[in-house]
């Protein structure tokens, strides 16, 4: 009987300890989950910023290409007008 009482007391002690530890464990687990969520959110924000930067750079390059092509077309147009004027002058 003494042996069973001793086992029962130890079991009760472990159960109380486990119940006392449960809120602490839950708090730690909740903090861990919040930290994980925060890290994911920070990574997502960083990814979005990098994406926006790359997108803006691509748009800038596209605008520069369009402007360059427009300038070349303008030069060709002027050159053709100039040549046409010279041909008409000589006729």
C-alpha atoms as a PDB file:
ATOM      1  CA  UNK A   1       0.000   0.000   0.000  1.00  0.00           C
ATOM      2  CA  UNK A   2       2.825   2.393   0.828  1.00  0.00           C
ATOM      3  CA  UNK A   3       4.306   1.756  -2.560  1.00  0.00           C
ATOM      4  CA  UNK A   4       1.011   2.555  -4.315  1.00  0.00           C
ATOM      5  CA  UNK A   5       0.610   5.743  -2.264  1.00  0.00           C
ATOM      6  CA  UNK A   6       4.114   6.840  -3.215  1.00  0.00           C
ATOM      7  CA  UNK A   7       3.404   6.175  -6.898  1.00  0.00           C
ATOM      8  CA  UNK A   8       0.078   7.996  -6.610  1.00  0.00           C
ATOM      9  CA  UNK A   9       1.754  11.046  -4.993  1.00  0.00           C
ATOM     10  CA  UNK A  10       4.434  11.135  -7.699  1.00  0.00           C
ATOM     11  CA  UNK A  11       1.784  10.855 -10.381  1.00  0.00           C
ATOM     12  CA  UNK A  12      -0.228  13.679  -8.780  1.00  0.00           C
ATOM     13  CA  UNK A  13       2.935  15.793  -8.558  1.00  0.00           C
ATOM     14  CA  UNK A  14       3.713  15.217 -12.256  1.00  0.00           C
ATOM     15  CA  UNK A  15       0.136  16.047 -13.236  1.00  0.00           C
ATOM     16  CA  UNK A  16       0.198  19.301 -11.238  1.00  0.00           C
ATOM     17  CA  UNK A  17       3.567  20.204 -12.696  1.00  0.00           C
ATOM     18  CA  UNK A  18       2.303  19.459 -16.198  1.00  0.00           C
ATOM     19  CA  UNK A  19      -0.786  21.618 -15.604  1.00  0.00           C
ATOM     20  CA  UNK A  20       1.375  24.433 -14.271  1.00  0.00           C
ATOM     21  CA  UNK A  21       3.697  24.141 -17.264  1.00  0.00           C
ATOM     22  CA  UNK A  22       0.878  24.012 -19.835  1.00  0.00           C
ATOM     23  CA  UNK A  23       0.150  27.789 -19.835  1.00  0.00           C
ATOM     24  CA  UNK A  24       3.861  28.508 -20.134  1.00  0.00           C
ATOM     25  CA  UNK A  25       4.183  26.026 -22.984  1.00  0.00           C
ATOM     26  CA  UNK A  26       1.120  27.503 -24.713  1.00  0.00           C
ATOM     27  CA  UNK A  27       2.544  31.013 -24.322  1.00  0.00           C
ATOM     28  CA  UNK A  28       5.887  29.925 -25.787  1.00  0.00           C
ATOM     29  CA  UNK A  29       4.126  28.154 -28.643  1.00  0.00           C
ATOM     30  CA  UNK A  30       2.005  31.228 -29.361  1.00  0.00           C
ATOM     31  CA  UNK A  31       5.105  33.446 -29.355  1.00  0.00           C
ATOM     32  CA  UNK A  32       6.855  31.016 -31.685  1.00  0.00           C
ATOM     33  CA  UNK A  33       3.932  31.089 -34.089  1.00  0.00           C
ATOM     34  CA  UNK A  34       3.779  34.893 -34.009  1.00  0.00           C
ATOM     35  CA  UNK A  35       7.510  35.098 -34.686  1.00  0.00           C
ATOM     36  CA  UNK A  36       7.169  32.687 -37.595  1.00  0.00           C
ATOM     37  CA  UNK A  37       4.277  34.720 -39.007  1.00  0.00           C
ATOM     38  CA  UNK A  38       6.227  37.950 -38.558  1.00  0.00           C
ATOM     39  CA  UNK A  39       9.254  36.484 -40.374  1.00  0.00           C
ATOM     40  CA  UNK A  40       7.067  35.314 -43.258  1.00  0.00           C
ATOM     41  CA  UNK A  41       5.439  38.732 -43.493  1.00  0.00           C
ATOM     42  CA  UNK A  42       8.832  40.456 -43.515  1.00  0.00           C
ATOM     43  CA  UNK A  43      10.031  38.126 -46.263  1.00  0.00           C
ATOM     44  CA  UNK A  44       6.886  38.806 -48.250  1.00  0.00           C
ATOM     45  CA  UNK A  45       7.377  42.569 -47.911  1.00  0.00           C
ATOM     46  CA  UNK A  46      11.011  42.253 -48.967  1.00  0.00           C
ATOM     47  CA  UNK A  47       9.990  40.154 -51.973  1.00  0.00           C
ATOM     48  CA  UNK A  48       7.323  42.697 -52.959  1.00  0.00           C
ATOM     49  CA  UNK A  49       9.814  45.582 -52.690  1.00  0.00           C
ATOM     50  CA  UNK A  50      12.353  43.730 -54.830  1.00  0.00           C
ATOM     51  CA  UNK A  51       9.630  42.908 -57.347  1.00  0.00           C
ATOM     52  CA  UNK A  52       8.510  46.555 -57.519  1.00  0.00           C
ATOM     53  CA  UNK A  53      12.103  47.706 -57.979  1.00  0.00           C
ATOM     54  CA  UNK A  54      12.666  45.231 -60.813  1.00  0.00           C
ATOM     55  CA  UNK A  55       9.353  46.164 -62.398  1.00  0.00           C
ATOM     56  CA  UNK A  56      10.183  49.887 -62.253  1.00  0.00           C
ATOM     57  CA  UNK A  57      13.621  49.240 -63.755  1.00  0.00           C
ATOM     58  CA  UNK A  58      12.058  47.255 -66.582  1.00  0.00           C
ATOM     59  CA  UNK A  59       9.516  50.027 -67.220  1.00  0.00           C
ATOM     60  CA  UNK A  60      12.289  52.623 -67.241  1.00  0.00           C
ATOM     61  CA  UNK A  61      14.295  50.578 -69.751  1.00  0.00           C
ATOM     62  CA  UNK A  62      11.188  50.157 -71.909  1.00  0.00           C
ATOM     63  CA  UNK A  63      10.535  53.910 -71.921  1.00  0.00           C
ATOM     64  CA  UNK A  64      14.176  54.570 -72.815  1.00  0.00           C
ATOM     65  CA  UNK A  65      13.945  52.064 -75.688  1.00  0.00           C
ATOM     66  CA  UNK A  66      10.726  53.652 -76.989  1.00  0.00           C
ATOM     67  CA  UNK A  67      12.266  57.138 -76.789  1.00  0.00           C
ATOM     68  CA  UNK A  68      15.410  55.943 -78.545  1.00  0.00           C
ATOM     69  CA  UNK A  69      13.365  54.367 -81.348  1.00  0.00           C
ATOM     70  CA  UNK A  70      11.243  57.517 -81.669  1.00  0.00           C
ATOM     71  CA  UNK A  71      14.419  59.583 -81.990  1.00  0.00           C
ATOM     72  CA  UNK A  72      15.770  57.282 -84.700  1.00  0.00           C
ATOM     73  CA  UNK A  73      12.469  57.435 -86.590  1.00  0.00           C
ATOM     74  CA  UNK A  74      12.510  61.242 -86.321  1.00  0.00           C
ATOM     75  CA  UNK A  75      16.046  61.348 -87.699  1.00  0.00           C
ATOM     76  CA  UNK A  76      15.069  59.066 -90.587  1.00  0.00           C
ATOM     77  CA  UNK A  77      12.034  61.239 -91.319  1.00  0.00           C
ATOM     78  CA  UNK A  78      14.176  64.423 -91.339  1.00  0.00           C
ATOM     79  CA  UNK A  79      16.781  62.728 -93.497  1.00  0.00           C
ATOM     80  CA  UNK A  80      14.129  61.671 -96.039  1.00  0.00           C
ATOM     81  CA  UNK A  81      12.659  65.204 -96.051  1.00  0.00           C
ATOM     82  CA  UNK A  82      16.106  66.673 -96.540  1.00  0.00           C
ATOM     83  CA  UNK A  83      16.881  64.307 -99.421  1.00  0.00           C
ATOM     84  CA  UNK A  84      13.501  64.976-100.992  1.00  0.00           C
ATOM     85  CA  UNK A  85      14.170  68.718-100.721  1.00  0.00           C
ATOM     86  CA  UNK A  86      17.556  68.333-102.404  1.00  0.00           C
ATOM     87  CA  UNK A  87      16.076  66.211-105.191  1.00  0.00           C
ATOM     88  CA  UNK A  88      13.331  68.807-105.782  1.00  0.00           C
ATOM     89  CA  UNK A  89      15.928  71.592-105.683  1.00  0.00           C
ATOM     90  CA  UNK A  90      18.035  69.928-108.349  1.00  0.00           C
ATOM     91  CA  UNK A  91      15.040  69.275-110.607  1.00  0.00           C
END
